[in-house]
PDB file of N, CA and C in Angstrom:
ATOM      1  N   MET A   1     159.462  54.217 135.735  1.00  0.00           N
ATOM      2  CA  MET A   1     160.195  55.395 135.261  1.00  0.00           C
ATOM      3  C   MET A   1     159.255  56.600 135.174  1.00  0.00           C
ATOM      4  N   ASN A   2     159.706  57.708 135.662  1.00  0.00           N
ATOM      5  CA  ASN A   2     158.894  58.912 135.699  1.00  0.00           C
ATOM      6  C   ASN A   2     159.057  59.711 134.416  1.00  0.00           C
ATOM      7  N   ASN A   3     157.995  59.810 133.649  1.00  0.00           N
ATOM      8  CA  ASN A   3     158.068  60.522 132.370  1.00  0.00           C
ATOM      9  C   ASN A   3     158.143  62.029 132.515  1.00  0.00           C
ATOM     10  N   ASN A   4     157.994  62.503 133.746  1.00  0.00           N
ATOM     11  CA  ASN A   4     158.139  63.947 133.952  1.00  0.00           C
ATOM     12  C   ASN A   4     159.596  64.348 134.073  1.00  0.00           C
ATOM     13  N   GLN A   5     160.452  63.365 134.271  1.00  0.00           N
ATOM     14  CA  GLN A   5     161.882  63.665 134.396  1.00  0.00           C
ATOM     15  C   GLN A   5     162.449  64.047 133.031  1.00  0.00           C
ATOM     16  N   PRO A   6     163.418  64.961 133.019  1.00  0.00           N
ATOM     17  CA  PRO A   6     164.037  65.333 131.753  1.00  0.00           C
ATOM     18  C   PRO A   6     164.701  64.134 131.077  1.00  0.00           C
ATOM     19  N   LEU A   7     164.651  64.140 129.748  1.00  0.00           N
ATOM     20  CA  LEU A   7     165.281  63.089 128.954  1.00  0.00           C
ATOM     21  C   LEU A   7     166.621  63.583 128.433  1.00  0.00           C
ATOM     22  N   ILE A   8     167.663  62.814 128.722  1.00  0.00           N
ATOM     23  CA  ILE A   8     169.010  63.141 128.259  1.00  0.00           C
ATOM     24  C   ILE A   8     169.429  62.097 127.235  1.00  0.00           C
ATOM     25  N   LEU A   9     169.892  62.570 126.089  1.00  0.00           N
ATOM     26  CA  LEU A   9     170.422  61.677 125.058  1.00  0.00           C
ATOM     27  C   LEU A   9     171.944  61.732 125.114  1.00  0.00           C
ATOM     28  N   VAL A  10     172.576  60.583 125.357  1.00  0.00           N
ATOM     29  CA  VAL A  10     174.032  60.479 125.386  1.00  0.00           C
ATOM     30  C   VAL A  10     174.484  59.889 124.051  1.00  0.00           C
ATOM     31  N   VAL A  11     175.289  60.647 123.306  1.00  0.00           N
ATOM     32  CA  VAL A  11     175.780  60.184 122.002  1.00  0.00           C
ATOM     33  C   VAL A  11     177.299  60.080 122.076  1.00  0.00           C
ATOM     34  N   ASP A  12     177.790  58.846 122.096  1.00  0.00           N
ATOM     35  CA  ASP A  12     179.231  58.619 122.228  1.00  0.00           C
ATOM     36  C   ASP A  12     179.526  57.226 121.691  1.00  0.00           C
ATOM     37  N   ASP A  13     180.587  57.082 120.891  1.00  0.00           N
ATOM     38  CA  ASP A  13     180.909  55.769 120.329  1.00  0.00           C
ATOM     39  C   ASP A  13     181.654  54.881 121.326  1.00  0.00           C
ATOM     40  N   SER A  14     181.965  55.406 122.497  1.00  0.00           N
ATOM     41  CA  SER A  14     182.622  54.608 123.532  1.00  0.00           C
ATOM     42  C   SER A  14     181.566  54.021 124.471  1.00  0.00           C
ATOM     43  N   THR A  15     181.419  52.706 124.423  1.00  0.00           N
ATOM     44  CA  THR A  15     180.452  52.027 125.294  1.00  0.00           C
ATOM     45  C   THR A  15     180.750  52.330 126.759  1.00  0.00           C
ATOM     46  N   THR A  16     182.035  52.392 127.097  1.00  0.00           N
ATOM     47  CA  THR A  16     182.443  52.685 128.474  1.00  0.00           C
ATOM     48  C   THR A  16     181.879  54.030 128.923  1.00  0.00           C
ATOM     49  N   ASN A  17     182.042  55.061 128.086  1.00  0.00           N
ATOM     50  CA  ASN A  17     181.521  56.390 128.434  1.00  0.00           C
ATOM     51  C   ASN A  17     180.006  56.388 128.524  1.00  0.00           C
ATOM     52  N   VAL A  18     179.358  55.715 127.586  1.00  0.00           N
ATOM     53  CA  VAL A  18     177.895  55.663 127.573  1.00  0.00           C
ATOM     54  C   VAL A  18     177.379  55.015 128.859  1.00  0.00           C
ATOM     55  N   VAL A  19     177.958  53.880 129.220  1.00  0.00           N
ATOM     56  CA  VAL A  19     177.537  53.159 130.431  1.00  0.00           C
ATOM     57  C   VAL A  19     177.779  54.009 131.679  1.00  0.00           C
ATOM     58  N   LEU A  20     178.943  54.649 131.736  1.00  0.00           N
ATOM     59  CA  LEU A  20     179.295  55.502 132.871  1.00  0.00           C
ATOM     60  C   LEU A  20     178.303  56.668 133.012  1.00  0.00           C
ATOM     61  N   LEU A  21     178.078  57.395 131.924  1.00  0.00           N
ATOM     62  CA  LEU A  21     177.171  58.547 131.971  1.00  0.00           C
ATOM     63  C   LEU A  21     175.745  58.110 132.279  1.00  0.00           C
ATOM     64  N   GLU A  22     175.343  57.002 131.679  1.00  0.00           N
ATOM     65  CA  GLU A  22     173.994  56.495 131.929  1.00  0.00           C
ATOM     66  C   GLU A  22     173.811  56.167 133.414  1.00  0.00           C
ATOM     67  N   ALA A  23     174.795  55.511 134.014  1.00  0.00           N
ATOM     68  CA  ALA A  23     174.706  55.132 135.429  1.00  0.00           C
ATOM     69  C   ALA A  23     174.636  56.362 136.325  1.00  0.00           C
ATOM     70  N   ILE A  24     175.511  57.322 136.082  1.00  0.00           N
ATOM     71  CA  ILE A  24     175.567  58.528 136.915  1.00  0.00           C
ATOM     72  C   ILE A  24     174.270  59.335 136.807  1.00  0.00           C
ATOM     73  N   LEU A  25     173.803  59.542 135.586  1.00  0.00           N
ATOM     74  CA  LEU A  25     172.623  60.392 135.372  1.00  0.00           C
ATOM     75  C   LEU A  25     171.330  59.677 135.758  1.00  0.00           C
ATOM     76  N   ASP A  26     171.299  58.375 135.562  1.00  0.00           N
ATOM     77  CA  ASP A  26     170.140  57.586 135.973  1.00  0.00           C
ATOM     78  C   ASP A  26     169.987  57.670 137.493  1.00  0.00           C
ATOM     79  N   GLU A  27     171.111  57.611 138.181  1.00  0.00           N
ATOM     80  CA  GLU A  27     171.115  57.709 139.637  1.00  0.00           C
ATOM     81  C   GLU A  27     170.544  59.055 140.106  1.00  0.00           C
ATOM     82  N   LYS A  28     170.728  60.079 139.281  1.00  0.00           N
ATOM     83  CA  LYS A  28     170.207  61.414 139.611  1.00  0.00           C
ATOM     84  C   LYS A  28     168.727  61.547 139.231  1.00  0.00           C
ATOM     85  N   GLY A  29     168.155  60.485 138.667  1.00  0.00           N
ATOM     86  CA  GLY A  29     166.726  60.486 138.379  1.00  0.00           C
ATOM     87  C   GLY A  29     166.354  60.911 136.965  1.00  0.00           C
ATOM     88  N   TYR A  30     167.334  61.085 136.095  1.00  0.00           N
ATOM     89  CA  TYR A  30     167.023  61.468 134.717  1.00  0.00           C
ATOM     90  C   TYR A  30     166.677  60.247 133.882  1.00  0.00           C
ATOM     91  N   ARG A  31     165.872  60.462 132.862  1.00  0.00           N
ATOM     92  CA  ARG A  31     165.637  59.411 131.871  1.00  0.00           C
ATOM     93  C   ARG A  31     166.776  59.514 130.864  1.00  0.00           C
ATOM     94  N   ILE A  32     167.326  58.383 130.486  1.00  0.00           N
ATOM     95  CA  ILE A  32     168.492  58.373 129.604  1.00  0.00           C
ATOM     96  C   ILE A  32     168.214  57.546 128.357  1.00  0.00           C
ATOM     97  N   GLU A  33     168.577  58.090 127.222  1.00  0.00           N
ATOM     98  CA  GLU A  33     168.626  57.322 125.979  1.00  0.00           C
ATOM     99  C   GLU A  33     170.077  57.372 125.546  1.00  0.00           C
ATOM    100  N   THR A  34     170.571  56.285 124.965  1.00  0.00           N
ATOM    101  CA  THR A  34     171.958  56.292 124.524  1.00  0.00           C
ATOM    102  C   THR A  34     172.062  55.901 123.056  1.00  0.00           C
ATOM    103  N   ALA A  35     173.074  56.468 122.413  1.00  0.00           N
ATOM    104  CA  ALA A  35     173.340  56.159 121.008  1.00  0.00           C
ATOM    105  C   ALA A  35     174.850  56.051 120.845  1.00  0.00           C
ATOM    106  N   LEU A  36     175.292  55.029 120.135  1.00  0.00           N
ATOM    107  CA  LEU A  36     176.727  54.833 119.923  1.00  0.00           C
ATOM    108  C   LEU A  36     177.215  55.523 118.650  1.00  0.00           C
ATOM    109  N   ASN A  37     176.281  56.107 117.902  1.00  0.00           N
ATOM    110  CA  ASN A  37     176.662  56.871 116.708  1.00  0.00           C
ATOM    111  C   ASN A  37     175.535  57.830 116.345  1.00  0.00           C
ATOM    112  N   ALA A  38     175.810  58.703 115.408  1.00  0.00           N
ATOM    113  CA  ALA A  38     174.836  59.726 115.031  1.00  0.00           C
ATOM    114  C   ALA A  38     173.564  59.114 114.439  1.00  0.00           C
ATOM    115  N   LYS A  39     173.721  58.036 113.686  1.00  0.00           N
ATOM    116  CA  LYS A  39     172.550  57.398 113.068  1.00  0.00           C
ATOM    117  C   LYS A  39     171.561  56.936 114.141  1.00  0.00           C
ATOM    118  N   GLU A  40     172.080  56.281 115.185  1.00  0.00           N
ATOM    119  CA  GLU A  40     171.212  55.846 116.294  1.00  0.00           C
ATOM    120  C   GLU A  40     170.577  57.055 116.975  1.00  0.00           C
ATOM    121  N   ALA A  41     171.365  58.119 117.120  1.00  0.00           N
ATOM    122  CA  ALA A  41     170.860  59.332 117.780  1.00  0.00           C
ATOM    123  C   ALA A  41     169.711  59.953 116.972  1.00  0.00           C
ATOM    124  N   TYR A  42     169.851  59.995 115.642  1.00  0.00           N
ATOM    125  CA  TYR A  42     168.777  60.536 114.805  1.00  0.00           C
ATOM    126  C   TYR A  42     167.490  59.729 114.978  1.00  0.00           C
ATOM    127  N   ALA A  43     167.636  58.397 115.077  1.00  0.00           N
ATOM    128  CA  ALA A  43     166.463  57.532 115.242  1.00  0.00           C
ATOM    129  C   ALA A  43     165.743  57.838 116.557  1.00  0.00           C
ATOM    130  N   ILE A  44     166.509  58.061 117.615  1.00  0.00           N
ATOM    131  CA  ILE A  44     165.920  58.383 118.924  1.00  0.00           C
ATOM    132  C   ILE A  44     165.217  59.741 118.858  1.00  0.00           C
ATOM    133  N   ILE A  45     165.895  60.723 118.263  1.00  0.00           N
ATOM    134  CA  ILE A  45     165.337  62.074 118.162  1.00  0.00           C
ATOM    135  C   ILE A  45     164.050  62.079 117.337  1.00  0.00           C
ATOM    136  N   ALA A  46     163.980  61.198 116.344  1.00  0.00           N
ATOM    137  CA  ALA A  46     162.766  61.102 115.519  1.00  0.00           C
ATOM    138  C   ALA A  46     161.573  60.658 116.362  1.00  0.00           C
ATOM    139  N   GLN A  47     161.846  59.861 117.415  1.00  0.00           N
ATOM    140  CA  GLN A  47     160.788  59.382 118.302  1.00  0.00           C
ATOM    141  C   GLN A  47     160.441  60.406 119.383  1.00  0.00           C
ATOM    142  N   GLN A  48     161.464  61.054 119.915  1.00  0.00           N
ATOM    143  CA  GLN A  48     161.263  61.976 121.028  1.00  0.00           C
ATOM    144  C   GLN A  48     162.429  62.956 121.101  1.00  0.00           C
ATOM    145  N   ILE A  49     162.111  64.233 121.212  1.00  0.00           N
ATOM    146  CA  ILE A  49     163.152  65.260 121.321  1.00  0.00           C
ATOM    147  C   ILE A  49     163.661  65.275 122.762  1.00  0.00           C
ATOM    148  N   PRO A  50     164.959  65.053 122.947  1.00  0.00           N
ATOM    149  CA  PRO A  50     165.489  65.065 124.312  1.00  0.00           C
ATOM    150  C   PRO A  50     165.526  66.485 124.896  1.00  0.00           C
ATOM    151  N   ASP A  51     165.621  66.560 126.213  1.00  0.00           N
ATOM    152  CA  ASP A  51     165.732  67.855 126.887  1.00  0.00           C
ATOM    153  C   ASP A  51     167.175  68.343 126.865  1.00  0.00           C
ATOM    154  N   LEU A  52     168.102  67.397 126.672  1.00  0.00           N
ATOM    155  CA  LEU A  52     169.526  67.717 126.639  1.00  0.00           C
ATOM    156  C   LEU A  52     170.243  66.619 125.877  1.00  0.00           C
ATOM    157  N   ILE A  53     171.257  67.013 125.101  1.00  0.00           N
ATOM    158  CA  ILE A  53     172.100  66.036 124.405  1.00  0.00           C
ATOM    159  C   ILE A  53     173.533  66.191 124.913  1.00  0.00           C
ATOM    160  N   LEU A  54     174.127  65.067 125.322  1.00  0.00           N
ATOM    161  CA  LEU A  54     175.549  65.027 125.667  1.00  0.00           C
ATOM    162  C   LEU A  54     176.232  64.385 124.468  1.00  0.00           C
ATOM    163  N   LEU A  55     177.116  65.129 123.825  1.00  0.00           N
ATOM    164  CA  LEU A  55     177.635  64.725 122.520  1.00  0.00           C
ATOM    165  C   LEU A  55     179.152  64.610 122.473  1.00  0.00           C
ATOM    166  N   ASP A  56     179.617  63.455 122.012  1.00  0.00           N
ATOM    167  CA  ASP A  56     181.038  63.258 121.747  1.00  0.00           C
ATOM    168  C   ASP A  56     181.324  63.789 120.342  1.00  0.00           C
ATOM    169  N   LEU A  57     182.529  64.285 120.109  1.00  0.00           N
ATOM    170  CA  LEU A  57     182.864  64.809 118.778  1.00  0.00           C
ATOM    171  C   LEU A  57     183.480  63.758 117.862  1.00  0.00           C
ATOM    172  N   LEU A  58     184.337  62.906 118.429  1.00  0.00           N
ATOM    173  CA  LEU A  58     185.074  61.956 117.606  1.00  0.00           C
ATOM    174  C   LEU A  58     184.310  60.643 117.488  1.00  0.00           C
ATOM    175  N   MET A  59     183.501  60.546 116.441  1.00  0.00           N
ATOM    176  CA  MET A  59     182.718  59.335 116.196  1.00  0.00           C
ATOM    177  C   MET A  59     182.896  58.927 114.736  1.00  0.00           C
ATOM    178  N   PRO A  60     182.747  57.628 114.465  1.00  0.00           N
ATOM    179  CA  PRO A  60     182.899  57.165 113.080  1.00  0.00           C
ATOM    180  C   PRO A  60     181.757  57.647 112.183  1.00  0.00           C
ATOM    181  N   LYS A  61     182.028  57.725 110.913  1.00  0.00           N
ATOM    182  CA  LYS A  61     181.071  58.110 109.863  1.00  0.00           C
ATOM    183  C   LYS A  61     180.588  59.545 110.010  1.00  0.00           C
ATOM    184  N   ILE A  62     179.699  59.781 110.970  1.00  0.00           N
ATOM    185  CA  ILE A  62     179.179  61.146 111.165  1.00  0.00           C
ATOM    186  C   ILE A  62     179.785  61.680 112.461  1.00  0.00           C
ATOM    187  N   SER A  63     180.602  62.718 112.354  1.00  0.00           N
ATOM    188  CA  SER A  63     181.256  63.254 113.555  1.00  0.00           C
ATOM    189  C   SER A  63     180.268  64.056 114.396  1.00  0.00           C
ATOM    190  N   GLY A  64     180.690  64.351 115.611  1.00  0.00           N
ATOM    191  CA  GLY A  64     179.868  65.191 116.480  1.00  0.00           C
ATOM    192  C   GLY A  64     179.664  66.577 115.884  1.00  0.00           C
ATOM    193  N   PHE A  65     180.669  67.067 115.140  1.00  0.00           N
ATOM    194  CA  PHE A  65     180.526  68.377 114.478  1.00  0.00           C
ATOM    195  C   PHE A  65     179.372  68.329 113.476  1.00  0.00           C
ATOM    196  N   ASP A  66     179.363  67.277 112.651  1.00  0.00           N
ATOM    197  CA  ASP A  66     178.315  67.135 111.631  1.00  0.00           C
ATOM    198  C   ASP A  66     176.950  66.942 112.280  1.00  0.00           C
ATOM    199  N   PHE A  67     176.929  66.142 113.347  1.00  0.00           N
ATOM    200  CA  PHE A  67     175.676  65.890 114.053  1.00  0.00           C
ATOM    201  C   PHE A  67     175.125  67.192 114.636  1.00  0.00           C
ATOM    202  N   LEU A  68     176.002  67.973 115.264  1.00  0.00           N
ATOM    203  CA  LEU A  68     175.592  69.248 115.846  1.00  0.00           C
ATOM    204  C   LEU A  68     175.051  70.192 114.766  1.00  0.00           C
ATOM    205  N   ALA A  69     175.749  70.261 113.644  1.00  0.00           N
ATOM    206  CA  ALA A  69     175.289  71.112 112.531  1.00  0.00           C
ATOM    207  C   ALA A  69     173.909  70.653 112.061  1.00  0.00           C
ATOM    208  N   GLN A  70     173.733  69.347 111.972  1.00  0.00           N
ATOM    209  CA  GLN A  70     172.461  68.770 111.510  1.00  0.00           C
ATOM    210  C   GLN A  70     171.309  69.119 112.454  1.00  0.00           C
ATOM    211  N   ILE A  71     171.508  68.932 113.760  1.00  0.00           N
ATOM    212  CA  ILE A  71     170.394  69.203 114.671  1.00  0.00           C
ATOM    213  C   ILE A  71     170.131  70.704 114.800  1.00  0.00           C
ATOM    214  N   ARG A  72     171.151  71.519 114.618  1.00  0.00           N
ATOM    215  CA  ARG A  72     170.936  72.963 114.654  1.00  0.00           C
ATOM    216  C   ARG A  72     170.171  73.449 113.416  1.00  0.00           C
ATOM    217  N   SER A  73     170.266  72.693 112.330  1.00  0.00           N
ATOM    218  CA  SER A  73     169.568  73.112 111.110  1.00  0.00           C
ATOM    219  C   SER A  73     168.146  72.541 111.056  1.00  0.00           C
ATOM    220  N   ASN A  74     167.790  71.720 112.027  1.00  0.00           N
ATOM    221  CA  ASN A  74     166.457  71.117 112.071  1.00  0.00           C
ATOM    222  C   ASN A  74     165.565  71.944 113.006  1.00  0.00           C
ATOM    223  N   GLU A  75     164.418  72.338 112.489  1.00  0.00           N
ATOM    224  CA  GLU A  75     163.467  73.171 113.243  1.00  0.00           C
ATOM    225  C   GLU A  75     163.146  72.564 114.615  1.00  0.00           C
ATOM    226  N   LYS A  76     162.938  71.246 114.670  1.00  0.00           N
ATOM    227  CA  LYS A  76     162.523  70.578 115.905  1.00  0.00           C
ATOM    228  C   LYS A  76     163.607  70.561 116.981  1.00  0.00           C
ATOM    229  N   THR A  77     164.884  70.514 116.560  1.00  0.00           N
ATOM    230  CA  THR A  77     165.964  70.355 117.531  1.00  0.00           C
ATOM    231  C   THR A  77     166.870  71.579 117.620  1.00  0.00           C
ATOM    232  N   ARG A  78     166.488  72.632 116.904  1.00  0.00           N
ATOM    233  CA  ARG A  78     167.343  73.829 116.846  1.00  0.00           C
ATOM    234  C   ARG A  78     167.680  74.367 118.233  1.00  0.00           C
ATOM    235  N   SER A  79     166.725  74.327 119.154  1.00  0.00           N
ATOM    236  CA  SER A  79     166.965  74.930 120.476  1.00  0.00           C
ATOM    237  C   SER A  79     167.268  73.896 121.561  1.00  0.00           C
ATOM    238  N   THR A  80     167.423  72.622 121.177  1.00  0.00           N
ATOM    239  CA  THR A  80     167.763  71.589 122.162  1.00  0.00           C
ATOM    240  C   THR A  80     169.168  71.843 122.704  1.00  0.00           C
ATOM    241  N   PRO A  81     169.321  71.952 124.026  1.00  0.00           N
ATOM    242  CA  PRO A  81     170.657  72.183 124.577  1.00  0.00           C
ATOM    243  C   PRO A  81     171.595  71.014 124.289  1.00  0.00           C
ATOM    244  N   VAL A  82     172.823  71.347 123.895  1.00  0.00           N
ATOM    245  CA  VAL A  82     173.849  70.334 123.634  1.00  0.00           C
ATOM    246  C   VAL A  82     175.084  70.674 124.452  1.00  0.00           C
ATOM    247  N   ILE A  83     175.545  69.695 125.237  1.00  0.00           N
ATOM    248  CA  ILE A  83     176.830  69.829 125.928  1.00  0.00           C
ATOM    249  C   ILE A  83     177.775  68.845 125.257  1.00  0.00           C
ATOM    250  N   VAL A  84     178.865  69.356 124.736  1.00  0.00           N
ATOM    251  CA  VAL A  84     179.852  68.500 124.090  1.00  0.00           C
ATOM    252  C   VAL A  84     180.781  67.923 125.156  1.00  0.00           C
ATOM    253  N   VAL A  85     180.987  66.604 125.083  1.00  0.00           N
ATOM    254  CA  VAL A  85     181.869  65.907 126.004  1.00  0.00           C
ATOM    255  C   VAL A  85     182.939  65.251 125.131  1.00  0.00           C
ATOM    256  N   SER A  86     184.156  65.791 125.164  1.00  0.00           N
ATOM    257  CA  SER A  86     185.156  65.329 124.199  1.00  0.00           C
ATOM    258  C   SER A  86     186.586  65.431 124.713  1.00  0.00           C
ATOM    259  N   ALA A  87     187.445  64.623 124.103  1.00  0.00           N
ATOM    260  CA  ALA A  87     188.876  64.697 124.387  1.00  0.00           C
ATOM    261  C   ALA A  87     189.544  65.767 123.523  1.00  0.00           C
ATOM    262  N   LEU A  88     188.813  66.313 122.559  1.00  0.00           N
ATOM    263  CA  LEU A  88     189.342  67.408 121.728  1.00  0.00           C
ATOM    264  C   LEU A  88     189.249  68.685 122.542  1.00  0.00           C
ATOM    265  N   THR A  89     190.347  69.057 123.184  1.00  0.00           N
ATOM    266  CA  THR A  89     190.266  70.178 124.119  1.00  0.00           C
ATOM    267  C   THR A  89     190.981  71.430 123.633  1.00  0.00           C
ATOM    268  N   ASP A  90     191.421  71.432 122.372  1.00  0.00           N
ATOM    269  CA  ASP A  90     192.120  72.631 121.909  1.00  0.00           C
ATOM    270  C   ASP A  90     191.123  73.770 121.710  1.00  0.00           C
ATOM    271  N   GLU A  91     191.628  74.975 121.903  1.00  0.00           N
ATOM    272  CA  GLU A  91     190.812  76.189 121.855  1.00  0.00           C
ATOM    273  C   GLU A  91     190.023  76.303 120.546  1.00  0.00           C
ATOM    274  N   GLU A  92     190.665  75.928 119.448  1.00  0.00           N
ATOM    275  CA  GLU A  92     190.036  76.054 118.130  1.00  0.00           C
ATOM    276  C   GLU A  92     188.745  75.230 118.031  1.00  0.00           C
ATOM    277  N   ASN A  93     188.818  73.962 118.468  1.00  0.00           N
ATOM    278  CA  ASN A  93     187.632  73.104 118.410  1.00  0.00           C
ATOM    279  C   ASN A  93     186.554  73.558 119.386  1.00  0.00           C
ATOM    280  N   ILE A  94     186.957  73.978 120.574  1.00  0.00           N
ATOM    281  CA  ILE A  94     185.980  74.442 121.562  1.00  0.00           C
ATOM    282  C   ILE A  94     185.268  75.683 121.021  1.00  0.00           C
ATOM    283  N   THR A  95     186.030  76.615 120.463  1.00  0.00           N
ATOM    284  CA  THR A  95     185.431  77.821 119.879  1.00  0.00           C
ATOM    285  C   THR A  95     184.469  77.438 118.760  1.00  0.00           C
ATOM    286  N   LYS A  96     184.887  76.503 117.919  1.00  0.00           N
ATOM    287  CA  LYS A  96     184.062  76.071 116.788  1.00  0.00           C
ATOM    288  C   LYS A  96     182.720  75.501 117.254  1.00  0.00           C
ATOM    289  N   ILE A  97     182.759  74.588 118.231  1.00  0.00           N
ATOM    290  CA  ILE A  97     181.495  73.981 118.658  1.00  0.00           C
ATOM    291  C   ILE A  97     180.595  74.986 119.383  1.00  0.00           C
ATOM    292  N   MET A  98     181.197  75.930 120.085  1.00  0.00           N
ATOM    293  CA  MET A  98     180.381  76.955 120.747  1.00  0.00           C
ATOM    294  C   MET A  98     179.712  77.840 119.690  1.00  0.00           C
ATOM    295  N   GLU A  99     180.457  78.177 118.647  1.00  0.00           N
ATOM    296  CA  GLU A  99     179.885  78.971 117.554  1.00  0.00           C
ATOM    297  C   GLU A  99     178.792  78.198 116.826  1.00  0.00           C
ATOM    298  N   MET A 100     178.928  76.872 116.793  1.00  0.00           N
ATOM    299  CA  MET A 100     177.932  76.024 116.126  1.00  0.00           C
ATOM    300  C   MET A 100     176.669  75.853 116.966  1.00  0.00           C
ATOM    301  N   GLY A 101     176.713  76.311 118.201  1.00  0.00           N
ATOM    302  CA  GLY A 101     175.499  76.258 119.012  1.00  0.00           C
ATOM    303  C   GLY A 101     175.531  75.311 120.189  1.00  0.00           C
ATOM    304  N   ALA A 102     176.714  74.771 120.508  1.00  0.00           N
ATOM    305  CA  ALA A 102     176.797  73.962 121.731  1.00  0.00           C
ATOM    306  C   ALA A 102     176.662  74.907 122.918  1.00  0.00           C
ATOM    307  N   MET A 103     176.071  74.402 123.978  1.00  0.00           N
ATOM    308  CA  MET A 103     175.839  75.232 125.150  1.00  0.00           C
ATOM    309  C   MET A 103     177.059  75.252 126.064  1.00  0.00           C
ATOM    310  N   ASP A 104     177.785  74.126 126.056  1.00  0.00           N
ATOM    311  CA  ASP A 104     178.923  74.014 126.955  1.00  0.00           C
ATOM    312  C   ASP A 104     179.851  72.928 126.459  1.00  0.00           C
ATOM    313  N   PHE A 105     181.018  72.830 127.114  1.00  0.00           N
ATOM    314  CA  PHE A 105     182.025  71.848 126.746  1.00  0.00           C
ATOM    315  C   PHE A 105     182.581  71.215 128.011  1.00  0.00           C
ATOM    316  N   ILE A 106     182.662  69.885 128.015  1.00  0.00           N
ATOM    317  CA  ILE A 106     183.260  69.161 129.126  1.00  0.00           C
ATOM    318  C   ILE A 106     184.348  68.268 128.546  1.00  0.00           C
ATOM    319  N   LYS A 107     185.557  68.361 129.122  1.00  0.00           N
ATOM    320  CA  LYS A 107     186.657  67.577 128.559  1.00  0.00           C
ATOM    321  C   LYS A 107     186.688  66.169 129.143  1.00  0.00           C
ATOM    322  N   LYS A 108     187.209  65.262 128.317  1.00  0.00           N
ATOM    323  CA  LYS A 108     187.472  63.898 128.780  1.00  0.00           C
ATOM    324  C   LYS A 108     188.924  63.844 129.213  1.00  0.00           C
ATOM    325  N   PRO A 109     189.286  63.030 130.191  1.00  0.00           N
ATOM    326  CA  PRO A 109     188.386  62.202 130.994  1.00  0.00           C
ATOM    327  C   PRO A 109     187.409  63.076 131.793  1.00  0.00           C
ATOM    328  N   ILE A 110     186.232  62.565 131.970  1.00  0.00           N
ATOM    329  CA  ILE A 110     185.132  63.351 132.527  1.00  0.00           C
ATOM    330  C   ILE A 110     185.238  63.484 134.043  1.00  0.00           C
ATOM    331  N   ASP A 111     185.129  64.723 134.506  1.00  0.00           N
ATOM    332  CA  ASP A 111     184.982  64.998 135.935  1.00  0.00           C
ATOM    333  C   ASP A 111     183.480  64.858 136.201  1.00  0.00           C
ATOM    334  N   LEU A 112     183.085  63.746 136.802  1.00  0.00           N
ATOM    335  CA  LEU A 112     181.661  63.426 136.922  1.00  0.00           C
ATOM    336  C   LEU A 112     180.884  64.449 137.744  1.00  0.00           C
ATOM    337  N   GLN A 113     181.481  64.936 138.803  1.00  0.00           N
ATOM    338  CA  GLN A 113     180.805  65.946 139.626  1.00  0.00           C
ATOM    339  C   GLN A 113     180.521  67.196 138.789  1.00  0.00           C
ATOM    340  N   TYR A 114     181.521  67.605 138.021  1.00  0.00           N
ATOM    341  CA  TYR A 114     181.390  68.778 137.152  1.00  0.00           C
ATOM    342  C   TYR A 114     180.302  68.529 136.101  1.00  0.00           C
ATOM    343  N   LEU A 115     180.292  67.331 135.520  1.00  0.00           N
ATOM    344  CA  LEU A 115     179.291  67.002 134.514  1.00  0.00           C
ATOM    345  C   LEU A 115     177.888  67.083 135.108  1.00  0.00           C
ATOM    346  N   VAL A 116     177.693  66.505 136.272  1.00  0.00           N
ATOM    347  CA  VAL A 116     176.375  66.537 136.911  1.00  0.00           C
ATOM    348  C   VAL A 116     175.942  67.982 137.180  1.00  0.00           C
ATOM    349  N   GLU A 117     176.879  68.800 137.657  1.00  0.00           N
ATOM    350  CA  GLU A 117     176.557  70.215 137.909  1.00  0.00           C
ATOM    351  C   GLU A 117     176.141  70.919 136.623  1.00  0.00           C
ATOM    352  N   LYS A 118     176.865  70.664 135.526  1.00  0.00           N
ATOM    353  CA  LYS A 118     176.525  71.289 134.237  1.00  0.00           C
ATOM    354  C   LYS A 118     175.147  70.844 133.767  1.00  0.00           C
ATOM    355  N   VAL A 119     174.890  69.537 133.847  1.00  0.00           N
ATOM    356  CA  VAL A 119     173.598  68.986 133.420  1.00  0.00           C
ATOM    357  C   VAL A 119     172.471  69.628 134.233  1.00  0.00           C
ATOM    358  N   GLU A 120     172.674  69.704 135.543  1.00  0.00           N
ATOM    359  CA  GLU A 120     171.626  70.258 136.393  1.00  0.00           C
ATOM    360  C   GLU A 120     171.433  71.750 136.147  1.00  0.00           C
ATOM    361  N   SER A 121     172.518  72.462 135.810  1.00  0.00           N
ATOM    362  CA  SER A 121     172.376  73.890 135.540  1.00  0.00           C
ATOM    363  C   SER A 121     171.603  74.142 134.241  1.00  0.00           C
ATOM    364  N   VAL A 122     171.674  73.190 133.309  1.00  0.00           N
ATOM    365  CA  VAL A 122     170.929  73.310 132.055  1.00  0.00           C
ATOM    366  C   VAL A 122     169.471  72.913 132.260  1.00  0.00           C
ATOM    367  N   LEU A 123     169.253  71.788 132.938  1.00  0.00           N
ATOM    368  CA  LEU A 123     167.896  71.237 133.074  1.00  0.00           C
ATOM    369  C   LEU A 123     167.103  71.839 134.225  1.00  0.00           C
ATOM    370  N   HIS A 124     167.804  72.394 135.195  1.00  0.00           N
ATOM    371  CA  HIS A 124     167.152  73.026 136.350  1.00  0.00           C
ATOM    372  C   HIS A 124     167.829  74.355 136.627  1.00  0.00           C
ATOM    373  N   PRO A 125     167.630  75.339 135.744  1.00  0.00           N
ATOM    374  CA  PRO A 125     168.369  76.601 135.866  1.00  0.00           C
ATOM    375  C   PRO A 125     168.165  77.323 137.199  1.00  0.00           C
ATOM    376  N   SER A 126     167.124  76.973 137.924  1.00  0.00           N
ATOM    377  CA  SER A 126     166.869  77.656 139.195  1.00  0.00           C
ATOM    378  C   SER A 126     167.779  77.157 140.304  1.00  0.00           C
ATOM    379  N   PHE A 127     168.471  76.020 140.099  1.00  0.00           N
ATOM    380  CA  PHE A 127     169.351  75.468 141.140  1.00  0.00           C
ATOM    381  C   PHE A 127     170.528  76.386 141.350  1.00  0.00           C
TER     382      PHE A 127
END
């Protein structure tokens, strides 16, 4: 594994989504860490700050909203790009997460080509 590759943290309580995103992004050469809940994600972030976080909103215990607020209030992760990947597609929630500091929003079910383009535009802005 090439440690020079960007690290993407996928946070989603759906194993299916995690496996799917991991497979697609791994194929593109990214290093992937996955977390099925916010607690696991915090543990990963404590070890290494990812270059990008793909975040689901609807998770048990700690929601994606709370997780986003938490990482935005932390000095170490304040500027880490976050793309929200969620089935919550109403304007109100999208506006809220953008105001909270998410960089972008991708709706579920995921258009994988679109997701890859968004990820690459964040991690390789020159593309």
